[in-house]
Amino acid sequence: IVVTGSDDHLWKMWAIPDGNIIMTGEGHADWLSGCCFHPSGTQLVTSSGDTTVRIWDFSKRGCILTLEGHAHAVRDCSWHSCGDFVASASVDNTSKIWDVN
């Protein structure tokens, strides 16, 4: 399984090697810059030019949390290995650690 983010404001999950789309996430208002699987594989975090970071739950098939606080585009995001924290880095010259619990 591979996840991609794009200028079309969507992320897509693809099955490999057949290339079928398994799931699509819609909700960001600008391009996506980063996608990272939760260590358990049950969630995804995405970052966007819309200044937000979003957490998606695969079982709920949608966004369960929007993290707001950056003043400019967010360039990347990543889960901590314990799965309780997300890191984000923005063009506003800040990085943030989010406690998602």
N, C-alpha and C. Protein backbone atom coordinates (compact mmCIF):
# COMPACT_ATOMS: atom_id res chain seq x y z
N ILE A 1 0.85 -1.18 0.00
CA ILE A 1 0.00 0.00 0.00
C ILE A 1 0.89 1.24 0.00
N VAL A 2 0.51 2.20 -0.82
CA VAL A 2 1.22 3.48 -0.92
C VAL A 2 0.20 4.60 -0.81
N VAL A 3 0.56 5.70 -0.13
CA VAL A 3 -0.31 6.87 -0.07
C VAL A 3 0.41 8.03 -0.73
N THR A 4 -0.34 8.79 -1.55
CA THR A 4 0.21 9.95 -2.21
C THR A 4 -0.64 11.17 -1.92
N GLY A 5 -0.01 12.34 -1.88
CA GLY A 5 -0.70 13.62 -1.77
C GLY A 5 -0.43 14.41 -3.02
N SER A 6 -1.31 15.36 -3.34
CA SER A 6 -1.20 16.02 -4.63
C SER A 6 -1.66 17.47 -4.59
N ASP A 7 -1.41 18.18 -5.68
CA ASP A 7 -1.88 19.55 -5.84
C ASP A 7 -3.40 19.63 -5.96
N ASP A 8 -4.07 18.51 -6.19
CA ASP A 8 -5.53 18.52 -6.34
C ASP A 8 -6.27 18.49 -4.99
N HIS A 9 -5.52 18.67 -3.87
CA HIS A 9 -6.07 18.76 -2.50
C HIS A 9 -6.46 17.40 -1.94
N LEU A 10 -6.14 16.30 -2.62
CA LEU A 10 -6.54 14.96 -2.20
C LEU A 10 -5.34 14.11 -1.84
N TRP A 11 -5.58 13.13 -0.97
CA TRP A 11 -4.62 12.03 -0.82
C TRP A 11 -5.32 10.78 -1.33
N LYS A 12 -4.50 9.87 -1.84
CA LYS A 12 -5.03 8.62 -2.36
C LYS A 12 -4.19 7.47 -1.86
N MET A 13 -4.88 6.38 -1.50
CA MET A 13 -4.22 5.16 -1.07
C MET A 13 -4.32 4.15 -2.20
N TRP A 14 -3.18 3.61 -2.60
CA TRP A 14 -3.09 2.73 -3.75
C TRP A 14 -2.65 1.34 -3.33
N ALA A 15 -3.24 0.32 -3.93
CA ALA A 15 -2.80 -1.06 -3.74
C ALA A 15 -1.67 -1.34 -4.72
N ILE A 16 -0.64 -1.97 -4.23
CA ILE A 16 0.50 -2.33 -5.06
C ILE A 16 0.55 -3.86 -5.11
N PRO A 17 0.76 -4.51 -6.22
CA PRO A 17 1.22 -3.95 -7.48
C PRO A 17 0.12 -3.62 -8.49
N ASP A 18 -1.16 -3.86 -8.17
CA ASP A 18 -2.19 -3.68 -9.20
C ASP A 18 -2.54 -2.22 -9.49
N GLY A 19 -2.24 -1.30 -8.57
CA GLY A 19 -2.48 0.12 -8.82
C GLY A 19 -3.89 0.60 -8.61
N ASN A 20 -4.74 -0.22 -7.99
CA ASN A 20 -6.12 0.20 -7.72
C ASN A 20 -6.16 1.19 -6.56
N ILE A 21 -7.05 2.18 -6.64
CA ILE A 21 -7.24 3.12 -5.55
C ILE A 21 -8.13 2.47 -4.49
N ILE A 22 -7.62 2.41 -3.26
CA ILE A 22 -8.34 1.81 -2.15
C ILE A 22 -9.21 2.85 -1.44
N MET A 23 -8.66 4.06 -1.27
CA MET A 23 -9.35 5.10 -0.52
C MET A 23 -8.84 6.46 -0.95
N THR A 24 -9.70 7.47 -0.87
CA THR A 24 -9.34 8.85 -1.18
C THR A 24 -9.78 9.73 -0.03
N GLY A 25 -8.93 10.69 0.33
CA GLY A 25 -9.25 11.63 1.40
C GLY A 25 -9.44 13.03 0.86
N GLU A 26 -10.60 13.61 1.13
CA GLU A 26 -10.94 14.94 0.66
C GLU A 26 -11.26 15.83 1.85
N GLY A 27 -10.68 17.04 1.90
CA GLY A 27 -10.95 17.94 3.01
C GLY A 27 -9.99 19.11 3.09
N HIS A 28 -8.76 18.93 2.60
CA HIS A 28 -7.82 20.05 2.59
C HIS A 28 -8.24 21.06 1.54
N ALA A 29 -7.93 22.33 1.79
CA ALA A 29 -8.32 23.40 0.88
C ALA A 29 -7.17 23.83 -0.04
N ASP A 30 -6.04 23.14 0.02
CA ASP A 30 -4.89 23.47 -0.82
C ASP A 30 -4.07 22.20 -1.02
N TRP A 31 -2.94 22.32 -1.70
CA TRP A 31 -2.09 21.18 -2.04
C TRP A 31 -1.62 20.44 -0.79
N LEU A 32 -1.38 19.14 -0.97
CA LEU A 32 -0.83 18.32 0.11
C LEU A 32 0.67 18.22 -0.03
N SER A 33 1.35 18.34 1.10
CA SER A 33 2.81 18.31 1.10
C SER A 33 3.38 17.08 1.77
N GLY A 34 2.60 16.43 2.63
CA GLY A 34 3.12 15.27 3.34
C GLY A 34 2.02 14.32 3.75
N CYS A 35 2.36 13.03 3.81
CA CYS A 35 1.46 11.97 4.27
C CYS A 35 2.31 10.98 5.05
N CYS A 36 1.80 10.53 6.20
CA CYS A 36 2.55 9.59 7.01
C CYS A 36 1.59 8.66 7.74
N PHE A 37 1.82 7.35 7.63
CA PHE A 37 1.00 6.36 8.32
C PHE A 37 1.28 6.37 9.82
N HIS A 38 0.22 6.19 10.61
CA HIS A 38 0.34 5.97 12.05
C HIS A 38 1.11 4.66 12.24
N PRO A 39 1.90 4.52 13.31
CA PRO A 39 2.63 3.27 13.51
C PRO A 39 1.76 2.01 13.50
N SER A 40 0.50 2.14 13.90
CA SER A 40 -0.40 0.98 13.88
C SER A 40 -0.96 0.68 12.50
N GLY A 41 -0.83 1.65 11.58
CA GLY A 41 -1.37 1.48 10.23
C GLY A 41 -2.85 1.79 10.11
N THR A 42 -3.49 2.27 11.18
CA THR A 42 -4.93 2.52 11.17
C THR A 42 -5.30 3.97 10.86
N GLN A 43 -4.31 4.86 10.88
CA GLN A 43 -4.56 6.28 10.63
C GLN A 43 -3.48 6.85 9.74
N LEU A 44 -3.76 8.07 9.26
CA LEU A 44 -2.83 8.80 8.40
C LEU A 44 -2.81 10.24 8.87
N VAL A 45 -1.65 10.87 8.81
CA VAL A 45 -1.57 12.31 9.05
C VAL A 45 -1.13 12.96 7.73
N THR A 46 -1.75 14.11 7.41
CA THR A 46 -1.40 14.84 6.19
C THR A 46 -1.13 16.30 6.52
N SER A 47 -0.28 16.93 5.72
CA SER A 47 0.01 18.36 5.86
C SER A 47 -0.29 19.04 4.53
N SER A 48 -0.57 20.36 4.62
CA SER A 48 -1.09 21.03 3.43
C SER A 48 -0.68 22.50 3.36
N GLY A 49 -0.79 23.03 2.17
CA GLY A 49 -0.62 24.46 1.95
C GLY A 49 -1.72 25.29 2.58
N ASP A 50 -2.79 24.65 3.04
CA ASP A 50 -3.89 25.39 3.68
C ASP A 50 -3.61 25.71 5.15
N THR A 51 -2.38 25.47 5.62
CA THR A 51 -1.87 25.74 6.97
C THR A 51 -2.32 24.71 8.01
N THR A 52 -2.98 23.64 7.60
CA THR A 52 -3.47 22.66 8.56
C THR A 52 -2.75 21.32 8.45
N VAL A 53 -2.90 20.56 9.51
CA VAL A 53 -2.49 19.16 9.58
C VAL A 53 -3.76 18.39 9.91
N ARG A 54 -4.01 17.30 9.21
CA ARG A 54 -5.24 16.53 9.45
C ARG A 54 -4.90 15.09 9.76
N ILE A 55 -5.71 14.52 10.65
CA ILE A 55 -5.58 13.11 10.98
C ILE A 55 -6.81 12.39 10.44
N TRP A 56 -6.55 11.31 9.72
CA TRP A 56 -7.58 10.53 9.05
C TRP A 56 -7.62 9.15 9.66
N ASP A 57 -8.82 8.64 9.88
CA ASP A 57 -9.01 7.30 10.42
C ASP A 57 -9.59 6.42 9.33
N PHE A 58 -8.89 5.34 9.01
CA PHE A 58 -9.32 4.48 7.90
C PHE A 58 -10.64 3.78 8.19
N SER A 59 -10.88 3.37 9.44
CA SER A 59 -12.13 2.68 9.75
C SER A 59 -13.33 3.62 9.68
N LYS A 60 -13.11 4.90 9.97
CA LYS A 60 -14.18 5.90 9.87
C LYS A 60 -14.27 6.51 8.48
N ARG A 61 -13.27 6.20 7.65
CA ARG A 61 -13.20 6.66 6.26
C ARG A 61 -13.26 8.18 6.14
N GLY A 62 -12.59 8.88 7.09
CA GLY A 62 -12.60 10.33 7.02
C GLY A 62 -11.67 10.98 8.02
N CYS A 63 -11.67 12.31 7.97
CA CYS A 63 -10.86 13.12 8.87
C CYS A 63 -11.50 13.13 10.26
N ILE A 64 -10.68 12.86 11.27
CA ILE A 64 -11.19 12.86 12.64
C ILE A 64 -10.65 14.02 13.47
N LEU A 65 -9.61 14.73 12.95
CA LEU A 65 -9.03 15.84 13.70
C LEU A 65 -8.29 16.76 12.74
N THR A 66 -8.54 18.07 12.88
CA THR A 66 -7.80 19.08 12.12
C THR A 66 -6.99 19.90 13.11
N LEU A 67 -5.68 19.96 12.89
CA LEU A 67 -4.78 20.70 13.76
C LEU A 67 -4.47 22.04 13.11
N GLU A 68 -4.83 23.11 13.80
CA GLU A 68 -4.63 24.47 13.27
C GLU A 68 -3.71 25.22 14.21
N GLY A 69 -2.84 26.07 13.65
CA GLY A 69 -1.92 26.83 14.47
C GLY A 69 -0.75 27.39 13.70
N HIS A 70 -0.50 26.85 12.52
CA HIS A 70 0.56 27.41 11.68
C HIS A 70 0.01 28.62 10.93
N ALA A 71 0.87 29.61 10.70
CA ALA A 71 0.47 30.84 10.01
C ALA A 71 0.62 30.73 8.49
N HIS A 72 1.41 29.78 8.03
CA HIS A 72 1.65 29.60 6.59
C HIS A 72 1.61 28.11 6.26
N ALA A 73 1.83 27.81 5.00
CA ALA A 73 1.78 26.43 4.51
C ALA A 73 2.61 25.48 5.39
N VAL A 74 2.07 24.29 5.59
CA VAL A 74 2.78 23.25 6.34
C VAL A 74 3.47 22.35 5.30
N ARG A 75 4.78 22.21 5.43
CA ARG A 75 5.57 21.50 4.43
C ARG A 75 5.69 20.00 4.66
N ASP A 76 5.56 19.56 5.93
CA ASP A 76 5.69 18.12 6.17
C ASP A 76 5.12 17.77 7.53
N CYS A 77 4.88 16.47 7.73
CA CYS A 77 4.34 15.97 8.99
C CYS A 77 4.82 14.55 9.20
N SER A 78 4.83 14.12 10.47
CA SER A 78 5.27 12.77 10.78
C SER A 78 4.72 12.36 12.14
N TRP A 79 4.42 11.08 12.28
CA TRP A 79 4.01 10.51 13.57
C TRP A 79 5.25 10.19 14.39
N HIS A 80 5.17 10.35 15.69
CA HIS A 80 6.17 9.81 16.61
C HIS A 80 5.96 8.30 16.64
N SER A 81 6.99 7.55 16.92
CA SER A 81 6.90 6.09 16.90
C SER A 81 5.91 5.52 17.91
N CYS A 82 5.59 6.27 18.98
CA CYS A 82 4.61 5.78 19.95
C CYS A 82 3.17 6.00 19.47
N GLY A 83 2.98 6.87 18.47
CA GLY A 83 1.66 7.11 17.91
C GLY A 83 0.83 8.15 18.64
N ASP A 84 1.38 8.78 19.68
CA ASP A 84 0.63 9.77 20.46
C ASP A 84 0.90 11.20 20.04
N PHE A 85 1.94 11.41 19.23
CA PHE A 85 2.35 12.75 18.86
C PHE A 85 2.57 12.85 17.36
N VAL A 86 2.30 14.05 16.82
CA VAL A 86 2.56 14.36 15.42
C VAL A 86 3.48 15.58 15.40
N ALA A 87 4.47 15.56 14.52
CA ALA A 87 5.33 16.71 14.31
C ALA A 87 4.98 17.34 12.97
N SER A 88 5.04 18.68 12.91
CA SER A 88 4.80 19.38 11.65
C SER A 88 5.81 20.50 11.50
N ALA A 89 6.11 20.83 10.26
CA ALA A 89 7.06 21.90 9.94
C ALA A 89 6.43 22.81 8.90
N SER A 90 6.55 24.13 9.13
CA SER A 90 5.83 25.10 8.30
C SER A 90 6.77 26.12 7.67
N VAL A 91 6.28 26.73 6.60
CA VAL A 91 6.98 27.85 5.95
C VAL A 91 7.03 29.06 6.89
N ASP A 92 6.22 29.08 7.94
CA ASP A 92 6.23 30.19 8.89
C ASP A 92 7.43 30.12 9.85
N ASN A 93 8.39 29.22 9.56
CA ASN A 93 9.61 29.05 10.34
C ASN A 93 9.36 28.45 11.72
N THR A 94 8.28 27.69 11.86
CA THR A 94 8.03 26.99 13.11
C THR A 94 7.87 25.50 12.85
N SER A 95 8.13 24.75 13.88
CA SER A 95 7.75 23.35 13.89
C SER A 95 6.92 23.17 15.15
N LYS A 96 6.00 22.21 15.10
CA LYS A 96 5.12 21.98 16.23
C LYS A 96 5.07 20.49 16.53
N ILE A 97 4.92 20.19 17.80
CA ILE A 97 4.66 18.82 18.26
C ILE A 97 3.25 18.84 18.81
N TRP A 98 2.40 18.02 18.27
CA TRP A 98 0.97 17.97 18.64
C TRP A 98 0.70 16.70 19.44
N ASP A 99 0.07 16.84 20.58
CA ASP A 99 -0.40 15.71 21.36
C ASP A 99 -1.80 15.38 20.84
N VAL A 100 -1.93 14.30 20.11
CA VAL A 100 -3.20 14.01 19.45
C VAL A 100 -4.22 13.31 20.34
N ASN A 101 -3.82 13.02 21.56
CA ASN A 101 -4.74 12.43 22.51
C ASN A 101 -5.45 13.51 23.31
